[in-house]
Amino acid sequence: PRSHTDRTLRWFLSRDKRTEIESAKYLQALNRYRQQKQQYEQQLLQQQQYEQPIIQQQPYEQQLLLQQQQRQYEQQLL
């Protein structure tokens, strides 16, 4: 599904007459976002496993940051 998403994105970007560089930049940003999201989810899993009384604010702030980044990437597309 991931490669399909990337292919679809490339098609839309080329249809909009965007350059390959812009497309590549967006795909890189998307991959970075995916990696960060994955890391965040792994951290969350680890925290849940150990059930330490960790201050919940830090993951929350991280989530906000990820949401902001996702919005930025989506705006790059528009």
PDB file of N, CA and C in Angstrom:
ATOM      1  N   PRO A   1       0.827  -1.214   0.000  1.00  0.00           N
ATOM      2  CA  PRO A   1       0.000   0.000   0.000  1.00  0.00           C
ATOM      3  C   PRO A   1       0.860   1.262   0.000  1.00  0.00           C
ATOM      4  N   ARG A   2       1.993   1.211   0.725  1.00  0.00           N
ATOM      5  CA  ARG A   2       2.838   2.396   0.839  1.00  0.00           C
ATOM      6  C   ARG A   2       3.377   2.825  -0.528  1.00  0.00           C
ATOM      7  N   SER A   3       3.899   1.844  -1.285  1.00  0.00           N
ATOM      8  CA  SER A   3       4.456   2.186  -2.599  1.00  0.00           C
ATOM      9  C   SER A   3       3.351   2.650  -3.542  1.00  0.00           C
ATOM     10  N   HIS A   4       2.161   2.066  -3.358  1.00  0.00           N
ATOM     11  CA  HIS A   4       1.014   2.487  -4.166  1.00  0.00           C
ATOM     12  C   HIS A   4       0.684   3.952  -3.877  1.00  0.00           C
ATOM     13  N   THR A   5       0.701   4.302  -2.583  1.00  0.00           N
ATOM     14  CA  THR A   5       0.449   5.692  -2.179  1.00  0.00           C
ATOM     15  C   THR A   5       1.470   6.615  -2.835  1.00  0.00           C
ATOM     16  N   ASP A   6       2.741   6.212  -2.758  1.00  0.00           N
ATOM     17  CA  ASP A   6       3.811   7.032  -3.334  1.00  0.00           C
ATOM     18  C   ASP A   6       3.626   7.181  -4.843  1.00  0.00           C
ATOM     19  N   ARG A   7       3.239   6.096  -5.507  1.00  0.00           N
ATOM     20  CA  ARG A   7       3.037   6.147  -6.947  1.00  0.00           C
ATOM     21  C   ARG A   7       1.881   7.086  -7.292  1.00  0.00           C
ATOM     22  N   THR A   8       0.800   6.962  -6.529  1.00  0.00           N
ATOM     23  CA  THR A   8      -0.363   7.829  -6.747  1.00  0.00           C
ATOM     24  C   THR A   8       0.037   9.283  -6.552  1.00  0.00           C
ATOM     25  N   LEU A   9       0.808   9.530  -5.480  1.00  0.00           N
ATOM     26  CA  LEU A   9       1.284  10.892  -5.211  1.00  0.00           C
ATOM     27  C   LEU A   9       2.096  11.419  -6.383  1.00  0.00           C
ATOM     28  N   ARG A  10       3.016  10.591  -6.874  1.00  0.00           N
ATOM     29  CA  ARG A  10       3.851  11.008  -8.006  1.00  0.00           C
ATOM     30  C   ARG A  10       2.985  11.376  -9.200  1.00  0.00           C
ATOM     31  N   TRP A  11       1.954  10.572  -9.425  1.00  0.00           N
ATOM     32  CA  TRP A  11       1.070  10.828 -10.560  1.00  0.00           C
ATOM     33  C   TRP A  11       0.372  12.172 -10.410  1.00  0.00           C
ATOM     34  N   PHE A  12      -0.167  12.420  -9.209  1.00  0.00           N
ATOM     35  CA  PHE A  12      -0.850  13.694  -8.973  1.00  0.00           C
ATOM     36  C   PHE A  12       0.116  14.863  -9.112  1.00  0.00           C
ATOM     37  N   LEU A  13       1.308  14.706  -8.554  1.00  0.00           N
ATOM     38  CA  LEU A  13       2.293  15.782  -8.622  1.00  0.00           C
ATOM     39  C   LEU A  13       2.695  16.055 -10.068  1.00  0.00           C
ATOM     40  N   SER A  14       2.865  15.002 -10.866  1.00  0.00           N
ATOM     41  CA  SER A  14       3.249  15.209 -12.270  1.00  0.00           C
ATOM     42  C   SER A  14       2.081  15.800 -13.056  1.00  0.00           C
ATOM     43  N   ARG A  15       0.866  15.397 -12.682  1.00  0.00           N
ATOM     44  CA  ARG A  15      -0.315  15.926 -13.360  1.00  0.00           C
ATOM     45  C   ARG A  15      -0.422  17.434 -13.117  1.00  0.00           C
ATOM     46  N   ASP A  16      -0.051  17.837 -11.896  1.00  0.00           N
ATOM     47  CA  ASP A  16      -0.099  19.258 -11.549  1.00  0.00           C
ATOM     48  C   ASP A  16       1.108  20.009 -12.091  1.00  0.00           C
ATOM     49  N   LYS A  17       1.894  19.356 -12.965  1.00  0.00           N
ATOM     50  CA  LYS A  17       3.076  19.963 -13.578  1.00  0.00           C
ATOM     51  C   LYS A  17       4.111  20.392 -12.535  1.00  0.00           C
ATOM     52  N   ARG A  18       4.176  19.630 -11.449  1.00  0.00           N
ATOM     53  CA  ARG A  18       5.209  19.921 -10.459  1.00  0.00           C
ATOM     54  C   ARG A  18       6.483  19.201 -10.872  1.00  0.00           C
ATOM     55  N   THR A  19       7.596  19.773 -10.468  1.00  0.00           N
ATOM     56  CA  THR A  19       8.872  19.196 -10.878  1.00  0.00           C
ATOM     57  C   THR A  19       9.146  17.925 -10.091  1.00  0.00           C
ATOM     58  N   GLU A  20      10.048  17.111 -10.637  1.00  0.00           N
ATOM     59  CA  GLU A  20      10.469  15.882  -9.957  1.00  0.00           C
ATOM     60  C   GLU A  20      11.075  16.216  -8.596  1.00  0.00           C
ATOM     61  N   ILE A  21      11.792  17.340  -8.539  1.00  0.00           N
ATOM     62  CA  ILE A  21      12.446  17.744  -7.294  1.00  0.00           C
ATOM     63  C   ILE A  21      11.400  18.003  -6.224  1.00  0.00           C
ATOM     64  N   GLU A  22      10.347  18.741  -6.587  1.00  0.00           N
ATOM     65  CA  GLU A  22       9.271  19.011  -5.632  1.00  0.00           C
ATOM     66  C   GLU A  22       8.638  17.710  -5.168  1.00  0.00           C
ATOM     67  N   SER A  23       8.401  16.809  -6.120  1.00  0.00           N
ATOM     68  CA  SER A  23       7.807  15.515  -5.792  1.00  0.00           C
ATOM     69  C   SER A  23       8.704  14.758  -4.823  1.00  0.00           C
ATOM     70  N   ALA A  24       9.992  14.726  -5.142  1.00  0.00           N
ATOM     71  CA  ALA A  24      10.952  14.010  -4.304  1.00  0.00           C
ATOM     72  C   ALA A  24      10.988  14.605  -2.906  1.00  0.00           C
ATOM     73  N   LYS A  25      10.989  15.938  -2.828  1.00  0.00           N
ATOM     74  CA  LYS A  25      10.994  16.620  -1.530  1.00  0.00           C
ATOM     75  C   LYS A  25       9.777  16.223  -0.719  1.00  0.00           C
ATOM     76  N   TYR A  26       8.619  16.226  -1.376  1.00  0.00           N
ATOM     77  CA  TYR A  26       7.393  15.879  -0.660  1.00  0.00           C
ATOM     78  C   TYR A  26       7.442  14.434  -0.179  1.00  0.00           C
ATOM     79  N   LEU A  27       7.915  13.525  -1.041  1.00  0.00           N
ATOM     80  CA  LEU A  27       7.983  12.111  -0.672  1.00  0.00           C
ATOM     81  C   LEU A  27       8.966  11.897   0.476  1.00  0.00           C
ATOM     82  N   GLN A  28      10.080  12.641   0.459  1.00  0.00           N
ATOM     83  CA  GLN A  28      11.043  12.562   1.563  1.00  0.00           C
ATOM     84  C   GLN A  28      10.388  13.011   2.859  1.00  0.00           C
ATOM     85  N   ALA A  29       9.681  14.132   2.779  1.00  0.00           N
ATOM     86  CA  ALA A  29       9.000  14.666   3.952  1.00  0.00           C
ATOM     87  C   ALA A  29       7.989  13.657   4.477  1.00  0.00           C
ATOM     88  N   LEU A  30       7.271  13.032   3.562  1.00  0.00           N
ATOM     89  CA  LEU A  30       6.265  12.044   3.939  1.00  0.00           C
ATOM     90  C   LEU A  30       6.926  10.854   4.631  1.00  0.00           C
ATOM     91  N   ASN A  31       8.052  10.391   4.086  1.00  0.00           N
ATOM     92  CA  ASN A  31       8.773   9.275   4.696  1.00  0.00           C
ATOM     93  C   ASN A  31       9.295   9.641   6.077  1.00  0.00           C
ATOM     94  N   ARG A  32       9.830  10.871   6.204  1.00  0.00           N
ATOM     95  CA  ARG A  32      10.284  11.349   7.515  1.00  0.00           C
ATOM     96  C   ARG A  32       9.134  11.329   8.505  1.00  0.00           C
ATOM     97  N   TYR A  33       7.979  11.835   8.051  1.00  0.00           N
ATOM     98  CA  TYR A  33       6.805  11.875   8.917  1.00  0.00           C
ATOM     99  C   TYR A  33       6.410  10.460   9.342  1.00  0.00           C
ATOM    100  N   ARG A  34       6.433   9.520   8.391  1.00  0.00           N
ATOM    101  CA  ARG A  34       6.081   8.126   8.698  1.00  0.00           C
ATOM    102  C   ARG A  34       7.033   7.542   9.727  1.00  0.00           C
ATOM    103  N   GLN A  35       8.347   7.813   9.556  1.00  0.00           N
ATOM    104  CA  GLN A  35       9.347   7.291  10.485  1.00  0.00           C
ATOM    105  C   GLN A  35       9.126   7.855  11.883  1.00  0.00           C
ATOM    106  N   GLN A  36       8.902   9.182  11.956  1.00  0.00           N
ATOM    107  CA  GLN A  36       8.694   9.820  13.252  1.00  0.00           C
ATOM    108  C   GLN A  36       7.448   9.261  13.923  1.00  0.00           C
ATOM    109  N   LYS A  37       6.403   9.055  13.126  1.00  0.00           N
ATOM    110  CA  LYS A  37       5.153   8.516  13.665  1.00  0.00           C
ATOM    111  C   LYS A  37       5.397   7.113  14.214  1.00  0.00           C
ATOM    112  N   GLN A  38       6.169   6.323  13.460  1.00  0.00           N
ATOM    113  CA  GLN A  38       6.481   4.962  13.872  1.00  0.00           C
ATOM    114  C   GLN A  38       7.272   4.977  15.184  1.00  0.00           C
ATOM    115  N   GLN A  39       8.288   5.847  15.264  1.00  0.00           N
ATOM    116  CA  GLN A  39       9.094   5.972  16.476  1.00  0.00           C
ATOM    117  C   GLN A  39       8.220   6.361  17.654  1.00  0.00           C
ATOM    118  N   TYR A  40       7.326   7.330  17.421  1.00  0.00           N
ATOM    119  CA  TYR A  40       6.439   7.802  18.476  1.00  0.00           C
ATOM    120  C   TYR A  40       5.549   6.666  18.967  1.00  0.00           C
ATOM    121  N   GLU A  41       5.012   5.882  18.027  1.00  0.00           N
ATOM    122  CA  GLU A  41       4.135   4.771  18.399  1.00  0.00           C
ATOM    123  C   GLU A  41       4.905   3.705  19.162  1.00  0.00           C
ATOM    124  N   GLN A  42       6.172   3.463  18.765  1.00  0.00           N
ATOM    125  CA  GLN A  42       7.010   2.494  19.473  1.00  0.00           C
ATOM    126  C   GLN A  42       7.276   2.961  20.901  1.00  0.00           C
ATOM    127  N   GLN A  43       7.595   4.252  21.051  1.00  0.00           N
ATOM    128  CA  GLN A  43       7.834   4.813  22.382  1.00  0.00           C
ATOM    129  C   GLN A  43       6.600   4.642  23.251  1.00  0.00           C
ATOM    130  N   LEU A  44       5.452   4.922  22.659  1.00  0.00           N
ATOM    131  CA  LEU A  44       4.187   4.819  23.372  1.00  0.00           C
ATOM    132  C   LEU A  44       3.970   3.380  23.831  1.00  0.00           C
ATOM    133  N   LEU A  45       4.265   2.430  22.937  1.00  0.00           N
ATOM    134  CA  LEU A  45       4.123   1.005  23.254  1.00  0.00           C
ATOM    135  C   LEU A  45       5.031   0.622  24.417  1.00  0.00           C
ATOM    136  N   GLN A  46       6.283   1.058  24.346  1.00  0.00           N
ATOM    137  CA  GLN A  46       7.243   0.747  25.410  1.00  0.00           C
ATOM    138  C   GLN A  46       6.763   1.298  26.744  1.00  0.00           C
ATOM    139  N   GLN A  47       6.265   2.525  26.716  1.00  0.00           N
ATOM    140  CA  GLN A  47       5.785   3.150  27.945  1.00  0.00           C
ATOM    141  C   GLN A  47       4.607   2.377  28.517  1.00  0.00           C
ATOM    142  N   GLN A  48       3.726   1.918  27.640  1.00  0.00           N
ATOM    143  CA  GLN A  48       2.563   1.167  28.097  1.00  0.00           C
ATOM    144  C   GLN A  48       2.989  -0.174  28.674  1.00  0.00           C
ATOM    145  N   GLN A  49       4.012  -0.783  28.079  1.00  0.00           N
ATOM    146  CA  GLN A  49       4.497  -2.080  28.557  1.00  0.00           C
ATOM    147  C   GLN A  49       5.044  -1.969  29.979  1.00  0.00           C
ATOM    148  N   TYR A  50       5.850  -0.953  30.211  1.00  0.00           N
ATOM    149  CA  TYR A  50       6.463  -0.810  31.534  1.00  0.00           C
ATOM    150  C   TYR A  50       5.528  -0.136  32.527  1.00  0.00           C
ATOM    151  N   GLU A  51       4.533   0.529  32.000  1.00  0.00           N
ATOM    152  CA  GLU A  51       3.541   1.234  32.823  1.00  0.00           C
ATOM    153  C   GLU A  51       4.191   2.098  33.912  1.00  0.00           C
ATOM    154  N   GLN A  52       5.181   2.854  33.489  1.00  0.00           N
ATOM    155  CA  GLN A  52       5.816   3.768  34.438  1.00  0.00           C
ATOM    156  C   GLN A  52       4.939   5.010  34.557  1.00  0.00           C
ATOM    157  N   PRO A  53       4.958   5.639  35.720  1.00  0.00           N
ATOM    158  CA  PRO A  53       4.187   6.884  35.845  1.00  0.00           C
ATOM    159  C   PRO A  53       4.910   8.032  35.137  1.00  0.00           C
ATOM    160  N   ILE A  54       5.014   7.911  33.835  1.00  0.00           N
ATOM    161  CA  ILE A  54       5.704   8.935  33.035  1.00  0.00           C
ATOM    162  C   ILE A  54       4.766  10.125  32.854  1.00  0.00           C
ATOM    163  N   ILE A  55       5.334  11.308  32.911  1.00  0.00           N
ATOM    164  CA  ILE A  55       4.539  12.516  32.685  1.00  0.00           C
ATOM    165  C   ILE A  55       3.974  12.440  31.272  1.00  0.00           C
ATOM    166  N   GLN A  56       2.669  12.590  31.162  1.00  0.00           N
ATOM    167  CA  GLN A  56       2.001  12.378  29.880  1.00  0.00           C
ATOM    168  C   GLN A  56       2.175  13.558  28.919  1.00  0.00           C
ATOM    169  N   GLN A  57       2.715  14.648  29.406  1.00  0.00           N
ATOM    170  CA  GLN A  57       2.781  15.850  28.578  1.00  0.00           C
ATOM    171  C   GLN A  57       3.734  15.688  27.392  1.00  0.00           C
ATOM    172  N   GLN A  58       4.865  15.041  27.641  1.00  0.00           N
ATOM    173  CA  GLN A  58       5.873  14.915  26.583  1.00  0.00           C
ATOM    174  C   GLN A  58       5.346  14.171  25.358  1.00  0.00           C
ATOM    175  N   PRO A  59       4.750  12.970  25.530  1.00  0.00           N
ATOM    176  CA  PRO A  59       4.185  12.315  24.347  1.00  0.00           C
ATOM    177  C   PRO A  59       3.088  13.156  23.694  1.00  0.00           C
ATOM    178  N   TYR A  60       2.325  13.870  24.524  1.00  0.00           N
ATOM    179  CA  TYR A  60       1.245  14.702  24.000  1.00  0.00           C
ATOM    180  C   TYR A  60       1.818  15.811  23.113  1.00  0.00           C
ATOM    181  N   GLU A  61       2.869  16.444  23.603  1.00  0.00           N
ATOM    182  CA  GLU A  61       3.520  17.511  22.823  1.00  0.00           C
ATOM    183  C   GLU A  61       4.092  16.944  21.527  1.00  0.00           C
ATOM    184  N   GLN A  62       4.639  15.739  21.632  1.00  0.00           N
ATOM    185  CA  GLN A  62       5.203  15.083  20.453  1.00  0.00           C
ATOM    186  C   GLN A  62       4.098  14.824  19.429  1.00  0.00           C
ATOM    187  N   GLN A  63       2.944  14.409  19.923  1.00  0.00           N
ATOM    188  CA  GLN A  63       1.813  14.129  19.040  1.00  0.00           C
ATOM    189  C   GLN A  63       1.365  15.414  18.341  1.00  0.00           C
ATOM    190  N   LEU A  64       1.312  16.498  19.101  1.00  0.00           N
ATOM    191  CA  LEU A  64       0.945  17.794  18.523  1.00  0.00           C
ATOM    192  C   LEU A  64       1.914  18.172  17.412  1.00  0.00           C
ATOM    193  N   LEU A  65       3.203  17.967  17.686  1.00  0.00           N
ATOM    194  CA  LEU A  65       4.242  18.282  16.708  1.00  0.00           C
ATOM    195  C   LEU A  65       4.036  17.466  15.432  1.00  0.00           C
ATOM    196  N   LEU A  66       3.760  16.169  15.596  1.00  0.00           N
ATOM    197  CA  LEU A  66       3.528  15.303  14.438  1.00  0.00           C
ATOM    198  C   LEU A  66       2.319  15.778  13.642  1.00  0.00           C
ATOM    199  N   GLN A  67       1.262  16.164  14.337  1.00  0.00           N
ATOM    200  CA  GLN A  67       0.063  16.644  13.654  1.00  0.00           C
ATOM    201  C   GLN A  67       0.374  17.917  12.872  1.00  0.00           C
ATOM    202  N   GLN A  68       1.151  18.812  13.488  1.00  0.00           N
ATOM    203  CA  GLN A  68       1.557  20.047  12.809  1.00  0.00           C
ATOM    204  C   GLN A  68       2.330  19.720  11.535  1.00  0.00           C
ATOM    205  N   GLN A  69       3.291  18.793  11.672  1.00  0.00           N
ATOM    206  CA  GLN A  69       4.115  18.427  10.521  1.00  0.00           C
ATOM    207  C   GLN A  69       3.253  17.839   9.415  1.00  0.00           C
ATOM    208  N   GLN A  70       2.301  16.997   9.799  1.00  0.00           N
ATOM    209  CA  GLN A  70       1.439  16.383   8.789  1.00  0.00           C
ATOM    210  C   GLN A  70       0.668  17.466   8.039  1.00  0.00           C
ATOM    211  N   ARG A  71       0.160  18.456   8.778  1.00  0.00           N
ATOM    212  CA  ARG A  71      -0.575  19.547   8.142  1.00  0.00           C
ATOM    213  C   ARG A  71       0.317  20.308   7.166  1.00  0.00           C
ATOM    214  N   GLN A  72       1.568  20.552   7.592  1.00  0.00           N
ATOM    215  CA  GLN A  72       2.511  21.260   6.720  1.00  0.00           C
ATOM    216  C   GLN A  72       2.736  20.483   5.428  1.00  0.00           C
ATOM    217  N   TYR A  73       2.922  19.170   5.545  1.00  0.00           N
ATOM    218  CA  TYR A  73       3.169  18.346   4.369  1.00  0.00           C
ATOM    219  C   TYR A  73       1.945  18.350   3.458  1.00  0.00           C
ATOM    220  N   GLU A  74       0.766  18.288   4.072  1.00  0.00           N
ATOM    221  CA  GLU A  74      -0.461  18.291   3.277  1.00  0.00           C
ATOM    222  C   GLU A  74      -0.609  19.623   2.542  1.00  0.00           C
ATOM    223  N   GLN A  75      -0.218  20.712   3.199  1.00  0.00           N
ATOM    224  CA  GLN A  75      -0.313  22.026   2.562  1.00  0.00           C
ATOM    225  C   GLN A  75       0.684  22.147   1.412  1.00  0.00           C
ATOM    226  N   GLN A  76       1.826  21.475   1.537  1.00  0.00           N
ATOM    227  CA  GLN A  76       2.802  21.477   0.438  1.00  0.00           C
ATOM    228  C   GLN A  76       2.176  20.877  -0.815  1.00  0.00           C
ATOM    229  N   LEU A  77       1.312  19.894  -0.601  1.00  0.00           N
ATOM    230  CA  LEU A  77       0.670  19.217  -1.737  1.00  0.00           C
ATOM    231  C   LEU A  77      -0.298  20.147  -2.452  1.00  0.00           C
ATOM    232  N   LEU A  78      -1.040  20.932  -1.673  1.00  0.00           N
ATOM    233  CA  LEU A  78      -2.094  21.777  -2.260  1.00  0.00           C
ATOM    234  C   LEU A  78      -1.513  22.903  -3.116  1.00  0.00           C
TER     235      LEU A  78
END
